[in-house]
Amino acid sequence: MKVMDKGWKMKKRLVAFLLCCAAASSFAAFQFDYGSISAAHSDYGKDTYDAYADRAGRFGLQNAFYFNTGSYLYASFSKGAPEFGAYYLDGRNKGEEIRLADIGNGQYTAIGADGKALKFNAGDSIGFWTRDADGRTVYNTPGLDGQHTYNGTAILDRNNYVVAFGKYGQYVSSPTGNYTYDQMIDAAQSVLNVQVGSKAPVPSGQPLPGLLAALLVCGGTYTGYRLRNRKTRA
């Protein structure tokens, strides 16, 4: 009978620990609070929105992505997983490449020379590129290196900027008129999702922000559970 009681207690302790770990995972997931993105010309440079996608190219190259506030970058693919990257823009000219790092769950962020998440400043402008099936570079900002490829774009839920990349030279239309979002996605070879946030993401291999605190809560809960059991037995 004592052996069964001991086994039952061990099971309860294991369940309690697993619940704490699940709570820790939830703490980690909540770190991604995305900011808002607009494509309206009137929102360019205004901190009402954290970023602005210049789809018409009024302030530089078409589809250039501007930061209206100091923010971190999040990027992931919902279709395809090609080689890709990002670059600074200086007006209509391509600037230096931006290093990207995996932060888990298929997401990437920009990193600085120190390997930590890079915080962009208000006014910074960037673009994105992928390699197509033939190994050619496709930019999301037409006009670079004489390239006139057009990539379909969309703003979803005010916090997700979508870039539908086609092959080099392919025209992928944005969802305007009778052309739907689904048709844009179907025509694309790969689809990049871009978000921004005020909290710094952490490249893979480092503890997630808030995860240490969550683990402390987990450990504290488990310790409290053990102490209560001891008092009950006493």
Protein backbone atom coordinates (compact mmCIF):
# COMPACT_ATOMS: atom_id res chain seq x y z
CA MET A 1 0.00 0.00 0.00
CA LYS A 2 2.86 2.36 0.88
CA VAL A 3 4.52 1.64 -2.47
CA MET A 4 1.30 2.63 -4.30
CA ASP A 5 0.98 5.81 -2.21
CA LYS A 6 4.57 6.71 -3.00
CA GLY A 7 3.98 6.11 -6.71
CA TRP A 8 0.82 8.24 -6.65
CA LYS A 9 2.66 11.09 -4.92
CA MET A 10 5.42 10.96 -7.49
CA LYS A 11 2.82 11.19 -10.26
CA LYS A 12 1.25 14.24 -8.62
CA ARG A 13 4.64 15.89 -8.34
CA LEU A 14 5.35 15.18 -11.99
CA VAL A 15 1.98 16.64 -13.06
CA ALA A 16 2.63 19.75 -10.98
CA PHE A 17 6.06 20.16 -12.56
CA LEU A 18 4.72 19.71 -16.09
CA LEU A 19 2.01 22.29 -15.45
CA CYS A 20 4.68 24.73 -14.32
CA CYS A 21 6.71 24.06 -17.46
CA ALA A 22 3.61 24.68 -19.57
CA ALA A 23 3.18 27.99 -17.76
CA ALA A 24 6.82 28.80 -18.51
CA SER A 25 6.21 28.16 -22.20
CA SER A 26 3.23 30.51 -22.08
CA PHE A 27 5.39 33.21 -20.49
CA ALA A 28 7.88 32.81 -23.33
CA ALA A 29 5.19 32.97 -26.00
CA PHE A 30 3.79 36.23 -24.64
CA GLN A 31 7.05 38.04 -25.34
CA PHE A 32 6.04 38.61 -28.97
CA ASP A 33 3.82 41.69 -28.79
CA TYR A 34 3.74 43.00 -32.30
CA GLY A 35 3.43 46.67 -33.11
CA SER A 36 1.23 48.23 -35.78
CA ILE A 37 2.10 48.71 -39.45
CA SER A 38 0.43 51.03 -41.95
CA ALA A 39 0.63 51.61 -45.70
CA ALA A 40 -1.17 54.97 -45.70
CA HIS A 41 1.02 57.86 -46.87
CA SER A 42 -0.31 60.04 -44.07
CA ASP A 43 1.19 57.61 -41.52
CA TYR A 44 4.74 57.91 -42.83
CA GLY A 45 7.02 59.09 -40.03
CA LYS A 46 4.25 59.28 -37.43
CA ASP A 47 4.58 57.27 -34.22
CA THR A 48 0.87 56.39 -34.30
CA TYR A 49 2.11 53.34 -36.21
CA ASP A 50 5.39 51.58 -35.43
CA ALA A 51 6.26 51.02 -39.09
CA TYR A 52 5.20 52.09 -42.55
CA ALA A 53 5.27 50.09 -45.80
CA ASP A 54 5.67 52.48 -48.75
CA ARG A 55 3.89 50.29 -51.29
CA ALA A 56 3.59 53.09 -53.84
CA GLY A 57 7.19 54.31 -53.48
CA ARG A 58 6.22 57.87 -52.63
CA PHE A 59 9.16 58.42 -50.24
CA GLY A 60 11.76 56.18 -51.89
CA LEU A 61 11.71 52.81 -53.57
CA GLN A 62 8.43 50.97 -53.94
CA ASN A 63 7.72 48.57 -51.05
CA ALA A 64 10.45 50.12 -48.88
CA PHE A 65 9.79 49.40 -45.20
CA TYR A 66 10.24 52.30 -42.77
CA PHE A 67 10.43 52.33 -38.98
CA ASN A 68 8.37 55.10 -37.43
CA THR A 69 9.50 54.23 -33.89
CA GLY A 70 12.50 52.45 -32.41
CA SER A 71 11.56 48.80 -32.98
CA TYR A 72 12.88 45.28 -33.44
CA LEU A 73 12.28 43.18 -36.55
CA TYR A 74 10.50 39.82 -36.79
CA ALA A 75 10.38 37.87 -40.06
CA SER A 76 9.04 34.45 -41.05
CA PHE A 77 7.85 32.59 -44.14
CA SER A 78 4.31 31.25 -44.52
CA LYS A 79 5.15 29.76 -47.92
CA GLY A 80 8.51 28.45 -49.00
CA ALA A 81 11.72 28.75 -46.99
CA PRO A 82 14.30 30.15 -49.39
CA GLU A 83 17.63 31.78 -48.77
CA PHE A 84 16.77 35.35 -47.87
CA GLY A 85 18.07 38.50 -46.28
CA ALA A 86 17.50 42.19 -45.63
CA TYR A 87 19.31 45.42 -46.45
CA TYR A 88 19.28 49.08 -45.52
CA LEU A 89 18.02 51.64 -48.00
CA ASP A 90 19.34 55.15 -48.42
CA GLY A 91 16.61 56.77 -50.45
CA ARG A 92 16.66 54.79 -53.70
CA ASN A 93 20.08 53.27 -53.11
CA LYS A 94 20.89 49.93 -51.53
CA GLY A 95 22.92 50.16 -48.34
CA GLU A 96 24.67 47.52 -46.26
CA GLU A 97 23.27 44.06 -45.64
CA ILE A 98 21.43 43.34 -42.40
CA ARG A 99 22.39 40.19 -40.52
CA LEU A 100 19.49 37.91 -39.59
CA ALA A 101 19.37 35.24 -36.89
CA ASP A 102 16.96 32.43 -36.03
CA ILE A 103 14.90 33.06 -32.88
CA GLY A 104 13.00 29.77 -33.05
CA ASN A 105 9.58 28.72 -34.32
CA GLY A 106 10.57 29.69 -37.86
CA GLN A 107 11.11 33.34 -36.96
CA TYR A 108 14.13 35.54 -37.60
CA THR A 109 15.34 38.88 -36.31
CA ALA A 110 17.99 41.39 -37.28
CA ILE A 111 21.17 41.26 -35.19
CA GLY A 112 24.06 43.62 -34.64
CA ALA A 113 27.80 42.93 -34.60
CA ASP A 114 27.49 41.79 -30.98
CA GLY A 115 25.04 39.05 -31.96
CA LYS A 116 22.19 40.68 -30.05
CA ALA A 117 18.87 41.79 -31.51
CA LEU A 118 19.24 45.01 -33.48
CA LYS A 119 16.91 47.85 -32.60
CA PHE A 120 16.11 50.01 -35.60
CA ASN A 121 15.76 53.75 -35.21
CA ALA A 122 12.82 55.84 -36.34
CA GLY A 123 13.45 56.76 -39.97
CA ASP A 124 15.46 53.65 -40.84
CA SER A 125 14.42 52.12 -44.17
CA ILE A 126 14.99 48.52 -45.22
CA GLY A 127 14.15 46.02 -47.95
CA PHE A 128 14.18 42.23 -48.32
CA TRP A 129 15.53 39.76 -50.86
CA THR A 130 15.23 36.05 -51.67
CA ARG A 131 16.83 33.65 -54.14
CA ASP A 132 14.52 32.17 -56.74
CA ALA A 133 14.60 28.60 -58.05
CA ASP A 134 17.31 29.60 -60.55
CA GLY A 135 19.53 31.12 -57.87
CA ARG A 136 18.86 34.72 -58.89
CA THR A 137 18.29 37.46 -56.32
CA VAL A 138 14.80 38.92 -56.18
CA TYR A 139 14.36 42.19 -54.28
CA ASN A 140 11.06 43.33 -52.82
CA THR A 141 11.98 46.92 -53.75
CA PRO A 142 11.89 47.15 -57.58
CA GLY A 143 14.62 49.20 -59.20
CA LEU A 144 17.67 47.85 -57.37
CA ASP A 145 20.42 46.62 -59.71
CA GLY A 146 18.17 47.42 -62.66
CA GLN A 147 15.61 44.86 -61.53
CA HIS A 148 11.97 45.62 -62.25
CA THR A 149 10.35 42.60 -60.65
CA TYR A 150 7.17 43.51 -58.81
CA ASN A 151 6.25 41.57 -55.68
CA GLY A 152 2.70 41.48 -54.30
CA THR A 153 2.26 43.02 -50.86
CA ALA A 154 -0.46 43.32 -48.24
CA ILE A 155 -1.03 44.59 -44.70
CA LEU A 156 -2.90 42.10 -42.51
CA ASP A 157 -4.47 42.92 -39.14
CA ARG A 158 -2.41 46.12 -38.94
CA ASN A 159 0.61 44.22 -37.62
CA ASN A 160 1.67 41.90 -40.42
CA TYR A 161 3.30 43.11 -43.64
CA VAL A 162 3.21 40.37 -46.28
CA VAL A 163 5.56 40.21 -49.27
CA ALA A 164 4.76 37.62 -51.96
CA PHE A 165 7.98 36.93 -53.88
CA GLY A 166 7.89 35.54 -57.40
CA LYS A 167 10.73 34.47 -59.69
CA TYR A 168 13.17 37.00 -61.07
CA GLY A 169 11.23 39.05 -63.60
CA GLN A 170 7.83 37.67 -62.53
CA TYR A 171 5.00 40.09 -61.84
CA VAL A 172 3.02 39.20 -58.70
CA SER A 173 0.08 41.55 -58.19
CA SER A 174 -1.08 42.90 -54.84
CA PRO A 175 -4.68 42.12 -53.82
CA THR A 176 -6.40 45.08 -55.45
CA GLY A 177 -9.54 45.16 -57.56
CA ASN A 178 -10.58 41.61 -58.45
CA TYR A 179 -7.17 40.19 -57.52
CA THR A 180 -7.52 38.52 -54.13
CA TYR A 181 -5.03 37.83 -51.35
CA ASP A 182 -5.27 34.08 -52.01
CA GLN A 183 -4.46 34.61 -55.70
CA MET A 184 -1.42 36.65 -54.72
CA ILE A 185 -0.22 33.84 -52.44
CA ASP A 186 -0.86 31.19 -55.09
CA ALA A 187 1.21 33.10 -57.66
CA ALA A 188 4.16 33.54 -55.29
CA GLN A 189 7.12 31.21 -54.88
CA SER A 190 7.61 32.32 -51.29
CA VAL A 191 5.70 34.54 -48.88
CA LEU A 192 7.50 36.60 -46.24
CA ASN A 193 5.69 37.91 -43.15
CA VAL A 194 7.20 40.95 -41.43
CA GLN A 195 6.34 42.26 -37.98
CA VAL A 196 7.89 44.76 -35.58
CA GLY A 197 7.89 44.90 -31.81
CA SER A 198 9.15 47.01 -28.92
CA LYS A 199 10.59 44.01 -27.04
CA ALA A 200 13.93 42.58 -28.04
CA PRO A 201 13.74 39.04 -29.45
CA VAL A 202 16.60 36.70 -28.60
CA PRO A 203 18.57 34.75 -31.23
CA SER A 204 18.50 30.95 -30.93
CA GLY A 205 20.71 29.52 -28.18
CA GLN A 206 20.01 32.26 -25.64
CA PRO A 207 17.33 32.27 -22.91
CA LEU A 208 14.04 33.86 -23.99
CA PRO A 209 13.13 37.16 -22.28
CA GLY A 210 10.92 36.42 -19.30
CA LEU A 211 11.69 32.72 -19.41
CA LEU A 212 14.04 32.88 -16.42
CA ALA A 213 11.32 34.54 -14.37
CA ALA A 214 8.84 31.94 -15.55
CA LEU A 215 11.17 29.13 -14.51
CA LEU A 216 11.60 30.75 -11.10
CA VAL A 217 7.82 30.81 -10.74
CA CYS A 218 7.77 27.18 -11.79
CA GLY A 219 10.45 26.24 -9.29
CA GLY A 220 8.78 28.24 -6.54
CA THR A 221 5.45 26.58 -7.20
CA TYR A 222 7.02 23.13 -7.10
CA THR A 223 8.94 23.93 -3.91
CA GLY A 224 5.76 25.21 -2.27
CA TYR A 225 4.01 22.01 -3.27
CA ARG A 226 6.76 19.93 -1.61
CA LEU A 227 6.64 22.01 1.58
CA ARG A 228 2.88 21.67 1.84
CA ASN A 229 3.22 17.90 1.45
CA ARG A 230 5.78 17.81 4.25
CA LYS A 231 3.52 19.78 6.57
CA THR A 232 0.63 17.45 5.76
CA ARG A 233 2.71 14.42 6.59
CA ALA A 234 3.91 16.02 9.84
